[in-house]
Amino acid sequence: MVTQRRLVIVAVAALVVIAALPNPVLLRVAAVGAVVLLAAGYAMWLASRGEWSRREHPAAAPDIRQAEIISARLGEPAHALAPFVLRTQHAPHERWHGEEPLWMAVSDDWLWLLHRTVHGGVGGVKSRFSRGGLHARWDDHRLQSLHVGELSWPAHPWFIAGELHGPRPQRLRLIGLLAGDELGVRHLVTRSEPADR
């Protein structure tokens, strides 16, 4: 069975053989073969991370331990969470460009940004935004294993842009919940049934 480890071993062996070849034509052919092997190994690595496959995997529930920690910080259950690198933030009296590693979480009514510690742990709450009135645009960058997003609230002077990291199924879950808000699906699903007929 072909695995990533075996492909790396074969690629290293091919590079050793290339170094021993005296003929320039054979050297070129062997170099092309080694590059093809390395590209195949990289493609398998992406597929194992769920970034590059022929079929999409279903969105996964958040990691239980992280969800419990974040829910404790928020005081309510978190339905989706992922690491988020804030690149741009425009507020009524604040314009900021830089880079800040955070966590993005979605609860029943709020989109939360929480601080991320040096070792990737969960810190305190940075800010929260209403899920109502949110418009988001996401670009999928599979080779870099991230989504680039722009979030805005037309009724309020807020704009956020950054990169959503973490496992692809968890990113898709968070993006899907926010897309459901824009389409009004959440309100249709959670509407109450009539008590008496």
N, C-alpha and C. Protein backbone atom coordinates (compact mmCIF):
# COMPACT_ATOMS: atom_id res chain seq x y z
N MET A 1 0.84 -1.19 0.00
CA MET A 1 0.00 0.00 0.00
C MET A 1 0.88 1.25 0.00
N VAL A 2 0.52 2.22 -0.84
CA VAL A 2 1.29 3.45 -0.93
C VAL A 2 0.88 4.39 0.20
N THR A 3 1.86 4.83 0.97
CA THR A 3 1.60 5.77 2.05
C THR A 3 2.52 6.96 1.90
N GLN A 4 2.27 7.98 2.68
CA GLN A 4 3.11 9.18 2.63
C GLN A 4 4.54 8.85 2.99
N ARG A 5 4.70 8.04 4.04
CA ARG A 5 6.05 7.71 4.50
C ARG A 5 6.83 6.97 3.43
N ARG A 6 6.18 6.00 2.77
CA ARG A 6 6.87 5.25 1.72
C ARG A 6 7.22 6.14 0.54
N LEU A 7 6.33 7.08 0.18
CA LEU A 7 6.65 8.00 -0.92
C LEU A 7 7.84 8.89 -0.58
N VAL A 8 7.93 9.33 0.67
CA VAL A 8 9.07 10.16 1.08
C VAL A 8 10.36 9.35 1.02
N ILE A 9 10.31 8.09 1.47
CA ILE A 9 11.50 7.23 1.42
C ILE A 9 11.94 7.02 -0.02
N VAL A 10 10.98 6.75 -0.91
CA VAL A 10 11.31 6.55 -2.33
C VAL A 10 11.88 7.82 -2.93
N ALA A 11 11.31 8.99 -2.58
CA ALA A 11 11.80 10.25 -3.12
C ALA A 11 13.23 10.53 -2.65
N VAL A 12 13.52 10.25 -1.37
CA VAL A 12 14.88 10.45 -0.86
C VAL A 12 15.85 9.50 -1.55
N ALA A 13 15.44 8.23 -1.73
CA ALA A 13 16.29 7.27 -2.44
C ALA A 13 16.55 7.73 -3.87
N ALA A 14 15.49 8.29 -4.53
CA ALA A 14 15.66 8.79 -5.89
C ALA A 14 16.64 9.95 -5.94
N LEU A 15 16.60 10.82 -4.94
CA LEU A 15 17.55 11.93 -4.90
C LEU A 15 18.98 11.44 -4.70
N VAL A 16 19.16 10.38 -3.90
CA VAL A 16 20.50 9.80 -3.71
C VAL A 16 21.00 9.22 -5.02
N VAL A 17 20.12 8.52 -5.74
CA VAL A 17 20.51 7.95 -7.03
C VAL A 17 20.85 9.05 -8.02
N ILE A 18 20.08 10.16 -8.00
CA ILE A 18 20.34 11.28 -8.90
C ILE A 18 21.75 11.84 -8.66
N ALA A 19 22.12 11.95 -7.40
CA ALA A 19 23.44 12.50 -7.07
C ALA A 19 24.57 11.63 -7.60
N ALA A 20 24.30 10.32 -7.80
CA ALA A 20 25.35 9.41 -8.26
C ALA A 20 25.38 9.26 -9.78
N LEU A 21 24.43 9.84 -10.50
CA LEU A 21 24.37 9.68 -11.95
C LEU A 21 25.40 10.57 -12.66
N PRO A 22 26.18 10.00 -13.59
CA PRO A 22 27.15 10.82 -14.32
C PRO A 22 26.56 11.43 -15.59
N ASN A 23 25.54 10.79 -16.18
CA ASN A 23 24.98 11.22 -17.45
C ASN A 23 23.97 12.36 -17.22
N PRO A 24 24.12 13.51 -17.90
CA PRO A 24 23.18 14.63 -17.71
C PRO A 24 21.75 14.31 -18.13
N VAL A 25 21.57 13.48 -19.16
CA VAL A 25 20.21 13.15 -19.61
C VAL A 25 19.51 12.31 -18.54
N LEU A 26 20.20 11.30 -18.02
CA LEU A 26 19.63 10.49 -16.95
C LEU A 26 19.37 11.34 -15.71
N LEU A 27 20.24 12.30 -15.47
CA LEU A 27 20.08 13.18 -14.32
C LEU A 27 18.78 13.97 -14.43
N ARG A 28 18.50 14.49 -15.63
CA ARG A 28 17.27 15.25 -15.82
C ARG A 28 16.03 14.36 -15.65
N VAL A 29 16.06 13.17 -16.24
CA VAL A 29 14.92 12.26 -16.13
C VAL A 29 14.67 11.88 -14.67
N ALA A 30 15.76 11.58 -13.96
CA ALA A 30 15.62 11.20 -12.55
C ALA A 30 15.11 12.38 -11.72
N ALA A 31 15.56 13.59 -12.03
CA ALA A 31 15.09 14.77 -11.30
C ALA A 31 13.60 14.98 -11.50
N VAL A 32 13.13 14.80 -12.74
CA VAL A 32 11.69 14.93 -13.01
C VAL A 32 10.92 13.87 -12.24
N GLY A 33 11.43 12.63 -12.22
CA GLY A 33 10.76 11.57 -11.47
C GLY A 33 10.68 11.87 -9.98
N ALA A 34 11.78 12.43 -9.42
CA ALA A 34 11.78 12.77 -7.99
C ALA A 34 10.76 13.88 -7.70
N VAL A 35 10.66 14.86 -8.58
CA VAL A 35 9.69 15.94 -8.38
C VAL A 35 8.27 15.39 -8.44
N VAL A 36 8.01 14.46 -9.36
CA VAL A 36 6.68 13.85 -9.46
C VAL A 36 6.36 13.08 -8.18
N LEU A 37 7.33 12.34 -7.65
CA LEU A 37 7.11 11.61 -6.40
C LEU A 37 6.81 12.56 -5.24
N LEU A 38 7.57 13.66 -5.16
CA LEU A 38 7.31 14.63 -4.10
C LEU A 38 5.94 15.27 -4.24
N ALA A 39 5.54 15.57 -5.48
CA ALA A 39 4.21 16.15 -5.70
C ALA A 39 3.11 15.16 -5.31
N ALA A 40 3.31 13.87 -5.61
CA ALA A 40 2.33 12.86 -5.23
C ALA A 40 2.24 12.75 -3.71
N GLY A 41 3.39 12.82 -3.03
CA GLY A 41 3.39 12.78 -1.57
C GLY A 41 2.66 13.97 -0.98
N TYR A 42 2.87 15.15 -1.56
CA TYR A 42 2.19 16.35 -1.07
C TYR A 42 0.68 16.24 -1.29
N ALA A 43 0.27 15.70 -2.44
CA ALA A 43 -1.15 15.52 -2.71
C ALA A 43 -1.78 14.55 -1.73
N MET A 44 -1.06 13.47 -1.38
CA MET A 44 -1.58 12.52 -0.40
C MET A 44 -1.69 13.17 0.97
N TRP A 45 -0.71 14.01 1.30
CA TRP A 45 -0.75 14.71 2.59
C TRP A 45 -1.97 15.63 2.67
N LEU A 46 -2.24 16.36 1.59
CA LEU A 46 -3.42 17.23 1.56
C LEU A 46 -4.70 16.41 1.67
N ALA A 47 -4.74 15.26 0.99
CA ALA A 47 -5.93 14.42 1.04
C ALA A 47 -6.15 13.87 2.44
N SER A 48 -5.06 13.53 3.13
CA SER A 48 -5.21 13.00 4.49
C SER A 48 -5.71 14.07 5.45
N ARG A 49 -5.43 15.33 5.17
CA ARG A 49 -5.93 16.42 6.01
C ARG A 49 -7.34 16.83 5.62
N GLY A 50 -7.88 16.23 4.56
CA GLY A 50 -9.23 16.57 4.12
C GLY A 50 -9.28 17.83 3.30
N GLU A 51 -8.13 18.32 2.83
CA GLU A 51 -8.11 19.56 2.06
C GLU A 51 -8.33 19.33 0.57
N TRP A 52 -7.94 18.17 0.09
CA TRP A 52 -8.00 17.95 -1.35
C TRP A 52 -8.49 16.54 -1.61
N SER A 53 -9.73 16.42 -1.89
CA SER A 53 -10.31 15.10 -2.17
C SER A 53 -11.42 15.28 -3.20
N ARG A 54 -11.80 14.19 -3.81
CA ARG A 54 -12.84 14.26 -4.85
C ARG A 54 -14.20 14.54 -4.27
N ARG A 55 -14.42 14.13 -3.02
CA ARG A 55 -15.72 14.38 -2.40
C ARG A 55 -15.52 15.16 -1.11
N GLU A 56 -16.48 15.98 -0.82
CA GLU A 56 -16.42 16.78 0.40
C GLU A 56 -16.84 15.93 1.59
N HIS A 57 -16.15 16.08 2.70
CA HIS A 57 -16.52 15.40 3.93
C HIS A 57 -17.60 16.21 4.64
N PRO A 58 -18.47 15.57 5.38
CA PRO A 58 -19.49 16.34 6.11
C PRO A 58 -18.84 17.20 7.18
N ALA A 59 -19.48 18.31 7.47
CA ALA A 59 -18.96 19.22 8.48
C ALA A 59 -18.93 18.52 9.84
N ALA A 60 -17.82 18.69 10.55
CA ALA A 60 -17.63 17.99 11.81
C ALA A 60 -17.99 18.89 12.99
N ALA A 61 -18.46 18.27 14.03
CA ALA A 61 -18.73 18.99 15.28
C ALA A 61 -17.39 19.45 15.87
N PRO A 62 -17.40 20.52 16.64
CA PRO A 62 -16.14 21.01 17.20
C PRO A 62 -15.52 20.01 18.17
N ASP A 63 -14.21 20.11 18.33
CA ASP A 63 -13.49 19.30 19.30
C ASP A 63 -14.12 19.49 20.67
N ILE A 64 -14.46 18.38 21.34
CA ILE A 64 -15.24 18.45 22.59
C ILE A 64 -14.51 19.27 23.66
N ARG A 65 -13.21 19.02 23.83
CA ARG A 65 -12.46 19.72 24.88
C ARG A 65 -12.42 21.22 24.62
N GLN A 66 -12.11 21.61 23.38
CA GLN A 66 -12.06 23.03 23.04
C GLN A 66 -13.45 23.66 23.14
N ALA A 67 -14.48 22.92 22.71
CA ALA A 67 -15.84 23.46 22.79
C ALA A 67 -16.25 23.70 24.24
N GLU A 68 -15.84 22.81 25.15
CA GLU A 68 -16.17 23.00 26.56
C GLU A 68 -15.46 24.22 27.13
N ILE A 69 -14.20 24.40 26.77
CA ILE A 69 -13.44 25.57 27.26
C ILE A 69 -14.06 26.86 26.74
N ILE A 70 -14.36 26.89 25.44
CA ILE A 70 -14.92 28.11 24.85
C ILE A 70 -16.32 28.36 25.38
N SER A 71 -17.12 27.31 25.55
CA SER A 71 -18.46 27.49 26.10
C SER A 71 -18.40 28.06 27.52
N ALA A 72 -17.39 27.65 28.29
CA ALA A 72 -17.22 28.20 29.64
C ALA A 72 -16.87 29.68 29.58
N ARG A 73 -16.07 30.08 28.60
CA ARG A 73 -15.73 31.50 28.45
C ARG A 73 -16.94 32.33 28.02
N LEU A 74 -17.78 31.73 27.15
CA LEU A 74 -18.92 32.47 26.59
C LEU A 74 -20.13 32.47 27.53
N GLY A 75 -20.25 31.44 28.36
CA GLY A 75 -21.42 31.29 29.19
C GLY A 75 -22.61 30.70 28.46
N GLU A 76 -22.37 30.15 27.26
CA GLU A 76 -23.40 29.48 26.46
C GLU A 76 -22.70 28.52 25.51
N PRO A 77 -23.43 27.53 24.99
CA PRO A 77 -22.79 26.52 24.14
C PRO A 77 -22.26 27.11 22.83
N ALA A 78 -21.10 26.63 22.42
CA ALA A 78 -20.53 27.01 21.12
C ALA A 78 -20.82 25.89 20.13
N HIS A 79 -21.43 26.24 18.99
CA HIS A 79 -21.82 25.25 17.99
C HIS A 79 -20.73 25.00 16.96
N ALA A 80 -19.84 25.95 16.77
CA ALA A 80 -18.73 25.80 15.83
C ALA A 80 -17.61 26.71 16.28
N LEU A 81 -16.37 26.28 16.03
CA LEU A 81 -15.22 27.09 16.40
C LEU A 81 -14.04 26.72 15.51
N ALA A 82 -13.17 27.69 15.31
CA ALA A 82 -11.97 27.47 14.50
C ALA A 82 -10.97 28.58 14.80
N PRO A 83 -9.67 28.30 14.63
CA PRO A 83 -8.68 29.36 14.77
C PRO A 83 -8.88 30.41 13.67
N PHE A 84 -8.73 31.67 14.03
CA PHE A 84 -8.95 32.78 13.11
C PHE A 84 -7.82 33.78 13.28
N VAL A 85 -7.21 34.19 12.17
CA VAL A 85 -6.16 35.22 12.20
C VAL A 85 -6.77 36.51 11.69
N LEU A 86 -6.94 37.46 12.58
CA LEU A 86 -7.55 38.75 12.22
C LEU A 86 -6.53 39.59 11.47
N ARG A 87 -6.89 40.03 10.27
CA ARG A 87 -6.01 40.86 9.44
C ARG A 87 -6.45 42.33 9.42
N THR A 88 -7.75 42.55 9.35
CA THR A 88 -8.28 43.91 9.25
C THR A 88 -9.51 44.03 10.12
N GLN A 89 -9.62 45.15 10.82
CA GLN A 89 -10.82 45.42 11.60
C GLN A 89 -11.12 46.90 11.53
N HIS A 90 -12.34 47.23 11.13
CA HIS A 90 -12.78 48.62 11.10
C HIS A 90 -13.96 48.76 12.05
N ALA A 91 -13.82 49.62 12.99
CA ALA A 91 -14.88 49.92 13.95
C ALA A 91 -15.20 51.40 13.82
N PRO A 92 -16.24 51.88 14.51
CA PRO A 92 -16.61 53.29 14.37
C PRO A 92 -15.45 54.25 14.64
N HIS A 93 -14.64 54.00 15.65
CA HIS A 93 -13.53 54.91 15.96
C HIS A 93 -12.19 54.20 15.91
N GLU A 94 -12.12 53.11 15.16
CA GLU A 94 -10.90 52.31 15.17
C GLU A 94 -10.69 51.68 13.81
N ARG A 95 -9.49 51.88 13.27
CA ARG A 95 -9.08 51.18 12.07
C ARG A 95 -7.76 50.52 12.38
N TRP A 96 -7.69 49.22 12.18
CA TRP A 96 -6.52 48.48 12.58
C TRP A 96 -6.13 47.50 11.50
N HIS A 97 -4.86 47.49 11.14
CA HIS A 97 -4.32 46.53 10.19
C HIS A 97 -3.11 45.89 10.85
N GLY A 98 -3.08 44.60 10.86
CA GLY A 98 -1.99 43.88 11.49
C GLY A 98 -2.29 42.40 11.43
N GLU A 99 -1.92 41.71 12.45
CA GLU A 99 -2.21 40.28 12.52
C GLU A 99 -2.39 39.92 13.98
N GLU A 100 -3.51 39.26 14.28
CA GLU A 100 -3.78 38.85 15.65
C GLU A 100 -4.40 37.46 15.64
N PRO A 101 -3.73 36.46 16.25
CA PRO A 101 -4.31 35.12 16.31
C PRO A 101 -5.44 35.04 17.32
N LEU A 102 -6.60 34.59 16.87
CA LEU A 102 -7.79 34.52 17.72
C LEU A 102 -8.48 33.17 17.51
N TRP A 103 -9.56 32.96 18.24
CA TRP A 103 -10.52 31.89 18.00
C TRP A 103 -11.82 32.53 17.55
N MET A 104 -12.46 31.94 16.56
CA MET A 104 -13.79 32.38 16.16
C MET A 104 -14.77 31.29 16.57
N ALA A 105 -15.85 31.68 17.25
CA ALA A 105 -16.85 30.73 17.72
C ALA A 105 -18.24 31.25 17.40
N VAL A 106 -19.17 30.31 17.19
CA VAL A 106 -20.56 30.65 16.90
C VAL A 106 -21.44 30.03 17.97
N SER A 107 -22.23 30.87 18.63
CA SER A 107 -23.22 30.38 19.59
C SER A 107 -24.61 30.62 19.00
N ASP A 108 -25.65 30.52 19.82
CA ASP A 108 -27.01 30.65 19.29
C ASP A 108 -27.25 31.97 18.56
N ASP A 109 -26.83 33.08 19.17
CA ASP A 109 -27.14 34.40 18.60
C ASP A 109 -25.93 35.25 18.29
N TRP A 110 -24.72 34.76 18.64
CA TRP A 110 -23.54 35.62 18.54
C TRP A 110 -22.40 34.95 17.79
N LEU A 111 -21.61 35.79 17.14
CA LEU A 111 -20.33 35.40 16.58
C LEU A 111 -19.27 35.99 17.51
N TRP A 112 -18.42 35.14 18.07
CA TRP A 112 -17.45 35.55 19.08
C TRP A 112 -16.04 35.51 18.54
N LEU A 113 -15.22 36.45 18.98
CA LEU A 113 -13.77 36.41 18.78
C LEU A 113 -13.13 36.31 20.16
N LEU A 114 -12.30 35.29 20.35
CA LEU A 114 -11.62 35.09 21.63
C LEU A 114 -10.12 35.11 21.39
N HIS A 115 -9.38 35.58 22.38
CA HIS A 115 -7.93 35.61 22.27
C HIS A 115 -7.37 34.19 22.23
N ARG A 116 -6.26 34.02 21.48
CA ARG A 116 -5.58 32.73 21.43
C ARG A 116 -4.22 32.88 22.09
N THR A 117 -3.89 31.95 22.98
CA THR A 117 -2.63 32.02 23.70
C THR A 117 -1.47 31.63 22.78
N VAL A 118 -0.26 31.79 23.27
CA VAL A 118 0.93 31.47 22.48
C VAL A 118 0.93 30.02 22.04
N HIS A 119 0.44 29.13 22.89
CA HIS A 119 0.44 27.70 22.58
C HIS A 119 -0.88 27.25 21.95
N GLY A 120 -1.71 28.18 21.50
CA GLY A 120 -2.96 27.84 20.82
C GLY A 120 -4.14 27.63 21.74
N GLY A 121 -3.98 27.90 23.04
CA GLY A 121 -5.08 27.75 23.98
C GLY A 121 -6.10 28.88 23.85
N VAL A 122 -7.16 28.77 24.61
CA VAL A 122 -8.25 29.73 24.56
C VAL A 122 -8.07 30.77 25.66
N GLY A 123 -8.06 32.03 25.28
CA GLY A 123 -7.97 33.13 26.24
C GLY A 123 -9.35 33.73 26.49
N GLY A 124 -9.36 34.99 26.86
CA GLY A 124 -10.61 35.67 27.15
C GLY A 124 -11.30 36.17 25.89
N VAL A 125 -12.50 36.69 26.07
CA VAL A 125 -13.30 37.21 24.97
C VAL A 125 -12.74 38.55 24.50
N LYS A 126 -12.55 38.69 23.20
CA LYS A 126 -12.12 39.97 22.61
C LYS A 126 -13.34 40.80 22.23
N SER A 127 -14.27 40.18 21.51
CA SER A 127 -15.48 40.90 21.10
C SER A 127 -16.53 39.90 20.63
N ARG A 128 -17.77 40.40 20.51
CA ARG A 128 -18.86 39.58 19.99
C ARG A 128 -19.67 40.42 19.03
N PHE A 129 -20.26 39.74 18.05
CA PHE A 129 -21.06 40.40 17.03
C PHE A 129 -22.34 39.61 16.85
N SER A 130 -23.41 40.29 16.53
CA SER A 130 -24.69 39.63 16.31
C SER A 130 -24.63 38.79 15.03
N ARG A 131 -25.25 37.62 15.07
CA ARG A 131 -25.34 36.80 13.87
C ARG A 131 -26.38 37.37 12.91
N GLY A 132 -27.29 38.18 13.42
CA GLY A 132 -28.29 38.81 12.57
C GLY A 132 -27.69 39.96 11.78
N GLY A 133 -28.01 40.05 10.52
CA GLY A 133 -27.53 41.13 9.67
C GLY A 133 -26.11 40.96 9.17
N LEU A 134 -25.53 39.79 9.39
CA LEU A 134 -24.16 39.54 8.96
C LEU A 134 -24.12 39.15 7.49
N HIS A 135 -23.18 39.71 6.76
CA HIS A 135 -22.89 39.31 5.39
C HIS A 135 -21.43 38.88 5.34
N ALA A 136 -21.19 37.66 4.86
CA ALA A 136 -19.83 37.12 4.84
C ALA A 136 -19.49 36.61 3.44
N ARG A 137 -18.24 36.75 3.10
CA ARG A 137 -17.72 36.22 1.84
C ARG A 137 -16.47 35.42 2.18
N TRP A 138 -16.41 34.17 1.69
CA TRP A 138 -15.30 33.27 2.01
C TRP A 138 -14.65 32.77 0.73
N ASP A 139 -13.33 32.76 0.70
CA ASP A 139 -12.56 32.18 -0.41
C ASP A 139 -11.80 30.97 0.12
N ASP A 140 -11.94 29.85 -0.58
CA ASP A 140 -11.31 28.60 -0.17
C ASP A 140 -9.90 28.51 -0.76
N HIS A 141 -8.90 28.43 0.10
CA HIS A 141 -7.51 28.26 -0.32
C HIS A 141 -7.06 26.87 0.14
N ARG A 142 -7.34 25.87 -0.69
CA ARG A 142 -7.07 24.48 -0.28
C ARG A 142 -5.59 24.20 -0.12
N LEU A 143 -4.75 24.73 -1.01
CA LEU A 143 -3.32 24.43 -0.91
C LEU A 143 -2.71 25.00 0.36
N GLN A 144 -3.28 26.08 0.89
CA GLN A 144 -2.77 26.68 2.13
C GLN A 144 -3.56 26.22 3.35
N SER A 145 -4.58 25.39 3.15
CA SER A 145 -5.41 24.85 4.24
C SER A 145 -6.07 25.95 5.06
N LEU A 146 -6.71 26.88 4.38
CA LEU A 146 -7.41 27.96 5.09
C LEU A 146 -8.50 28.54 4.21
N HIS A 147 -9.39 29.30 4.85
CA HIS A 147 -10.41 30.10 4.16
C HIS A 147 -10.13 31.57 4.48
N VAL A 148 -10.17 32.41 3.48
CA VAL A 148 -10.03 33.85 3.69
C VAL A 148 -11.44 34.44 3.70
N GLY A 149 -11.75 35.19 4.76
CA GLY A 149 -13.10 35.70 4.91
C GLY A 149 -13.18 37.19 5.12
N GLU A 150 -14.28 37.76 4.66
CA GLU A 150 -14.61 39.17 4.91
C GLU A 150 -16.01 39.19 5.49
N LEU A 151 -16.17 39.77 6.68
CA LEU A 151 -17.45 39.81 7.37
C LEU A 151 -17.84 41.26 7.60
N SER A 152 -19.08 41.58 7.28
CA SER A 152 -19.55 42.95 7.46
C SER A 152 -21.00 42.93 7.94
N TRP A 153 -21.38 44.01 8.60
CA TRP A 153 -22.73 44.22 9.10
C TRP A 153 -23.20 45.55 8.52
N PRO A 154 -23.95 45.52 7.41
CA PRO A 154 -24.34 46.77 6.75
C PRO A 154 -25.10 47.74 7.66
N ALA A 155 -25.85 47.23 8.63
CA ALA A 155 -26.61 48.11 9.52
C ALA A 155 -25.72 48.73 10.59
N HIS A 156 -24.51 48.23 10.73
CA HIS A 156 -23.57 48.74 11.74
C HIS A 156 -22.22 48.99 11.08
N PRO A 157 -21.45 49.91 11.58
CA PRO A 157 -20.16 50.23 10.95
C PRO A 157 -19.04 49.27 11.35
N TRP A 158 -19.21 47.99 11.05
CA TRP A 158 -18.22 47.00 11.38
C TRP A 158 -17.76 46.26 10.14
N PHE A 159 -16.47 45.97 10.09
CA PHE A 159 -15.91 45.16 9.01
C PHE A 159 -14.73 44.38 9.57
N ILE A 160 -14.69 43.08 9.30
CA ILE A 160 -13.61 42.21 9.77
C ILE A 160 -13.13 41.37 8.60
N ALA A 161 -11.82 41.22 8.47
CA ALA A 161 -11.25 40.34 7.45
C ALA A 161 -10.13 39.53 8.08
N GLY A 162 -10.00 38.29 7.62
CA GLY A 162 -8.92 37.45 8.15
C GLY A 162 -8.96 36.06 7.57
N GLU A 163 -8.18 35.17 8.18
CA GLU A 163 -8.02 33.81 7.71
C GLU A 163 -8.58 32.83 8.74
N LEU A 164 -9.39 31.89 8.27
CA LEU A 164 -9.96 30.85 9.12
C LEU A 164 -9.12 29.59 8.92
N HIS A 165 -8.54 29.08 10.01
CA HIS A 165 -7.65 27.92 9.95
C HIS A 165 -8.32 26.73 10.63
N GLY A 166 -7.55 25.66 10.82
CA GLY A 166 -8.06 24.47 11.49
C GLY A 166 -8.52 23.42 10.51
N PRO A 167 -9.02 22.28 11.03
CA PRO A 167 -9.49 21.20 10.15
C PRO A 167 -10.60 21.69 9.22
N ARG A 168 -10.55 21.24 7.99
CA ARG A 168 -11.51 21.70 6.98
C ARG A 168 -12.96 21.45 7.37
N PRO A 169 -13.32 20.27 7.91
CA PRO A 169 -14.73 20.06 8.27
C PRO A 169 -15.23 21.05 9.32
N GLN A 170 -14.38 21.45 10.25
CA GLN A 170 -14.80 22.42 11.27
C GLN A 170 -14.94 23.82 10.67
N ARG A 171 -14.06 24.15 9.73
CA ARG A 171 -14.21 25.44 9.04
C ARG A 171 -15.51 25.48 8.25
N LEU A 172 -15.81 24.37 7.55
CA LEU A 172 -17.04 24.32 6.76
C LEU A 172 -18.28 24.42 7.64
N ARG A 173 -18.22 23.83 8.83
CA ARG A 173 -19.36 23.92 9.76
C ARG A 173 -19.61 25.37 10.16
N LEU A 174 -18.54 26.08 10.54
CA LEU A 174 -18.69 27.47 10.96
C LEU A 174 -19.21 28.33 9.81
N ILE A 175 -18.63 28.15 8.64
CA ILE A 175 -19.06 28.92 7.47
C ILE A 175 -20.51 28.60 7.12
N GLY A 176 -20.89 27.33 7.23
CA GLY A 176 -22.26 26.93 6.92
C GLY A 176 -23.27 27.54 7.87
N LEU A 177 -22.94 27.60 9.17
CA LEU A 177 -23.85 28.22 10.12
C LEU A 177 -24.05 29.70 9.81
N LEU A 178 -22.97 30.39 9.47
CA LEU A 178 -23.10 31.81 9.14
C LEU A 178 -23.85 32.02 7.83
N ALA A 179 -23.64 31.12 6.87
CA ALA A 179 -24.38 31.22 5.60
C ALA A 179 -25.87 30.97 5.84
N GLY A 180 -26.19 30.06 6.76
CA GLY A 180 -27.59 29.81 7.11
C GLY A 180 -28.26 31.04 7.69
N ASP A 181 -27.50 31.84 8.44
CA ASP A 181 -28.05 33.09 8.97
C ASP A 181 -28.40 34.06 7.85
N GLU A 182 -27.51 34.16 6.86
CA GLU A 182 -27.76 35.08 5.75
C GLU A 182 -28.99 34.67 4.96
N LEU A 183 -29.19 33.35 4.81
CA LEU A 183 -30.32 32.86 4.03
C LEU A 183 -31.61 32.78 4.84
N GLY A 184 -31.51 32.99 6.16
CA GLY A 184 -32.68 32.92 7.01
C GLY A 184 -33.09 31.49 7.35
N VAL A 185 -32.22 30.52 7.10
CA VAL A 185 -32.55 29.12 7.34
C VAL A 185 -32.67 28.84 8.84
N ARG A 186 -31.83 29.47 9.65
CA ARG A 186 -31.87 29.20 11.09
C ARG A 186 -33.24 29.53 11.67
N HIS A 187 -33.84 30.63 11.23
CA HIS A 187 -35.15 31.03 11.75
C HIS A 187 -36.25 30.08 11.27
N LEU A 188 -36.08 29.52 10.07
CA LEU A 188 -37.07 28.56 9.58
C LEU A 188 -36.99 27.25 10.34
N VAL A 189 -35.77 26.83 10.66
CA VAL A 189 -35.59 25.54 11.34
C VAL A 189 -36.01 25.63 12.80
N THR A 190 -35.75 26.76 13.45
CA THR A 190 -36.00 26.87 14.88
C THR A 190 -37.35 27.49 15.22
N ARG A 191 -38.20 27.70 14.21
CA ARG A 191 -39.49 28.31 14.51
C ARG A 191 -40.34 27.36 15.37
N SER A 192 -41.14 27.90 16.20
CA SER A 192 -41.94 27.07 17.13
C SER A 192 -43.18 26.54 16.43
N GLU A 193 -43.57 25.34 16.83
CA GLU A 193 -44.77 24.72 16.29
C GLU A 193 -46.00 25.26 17.03
N PRO A 194 -47.15 25.35 16.37
CA PRO A 194 -48.36 25.82 17.06
C PRO A 194 -48.76 24.87 18.19
N ALA A 195 -49.16 25.42 19.32
CA ALA A 195 -49.49 24.59 20.49
C ALA A 195 -50.76 23.77 20.25
N ASP A 196 -51.82 24.39 19.76
CA ASP A 196 -53.08 23.68 19.56
C ASP A 196 -53.53 23.88 18.12
N ARG A 197 -54.21 22.87 17.62
CA ARG A 197 -54.74 22.99 16.27
C ARG A 197 -56.23 23.04 16.31
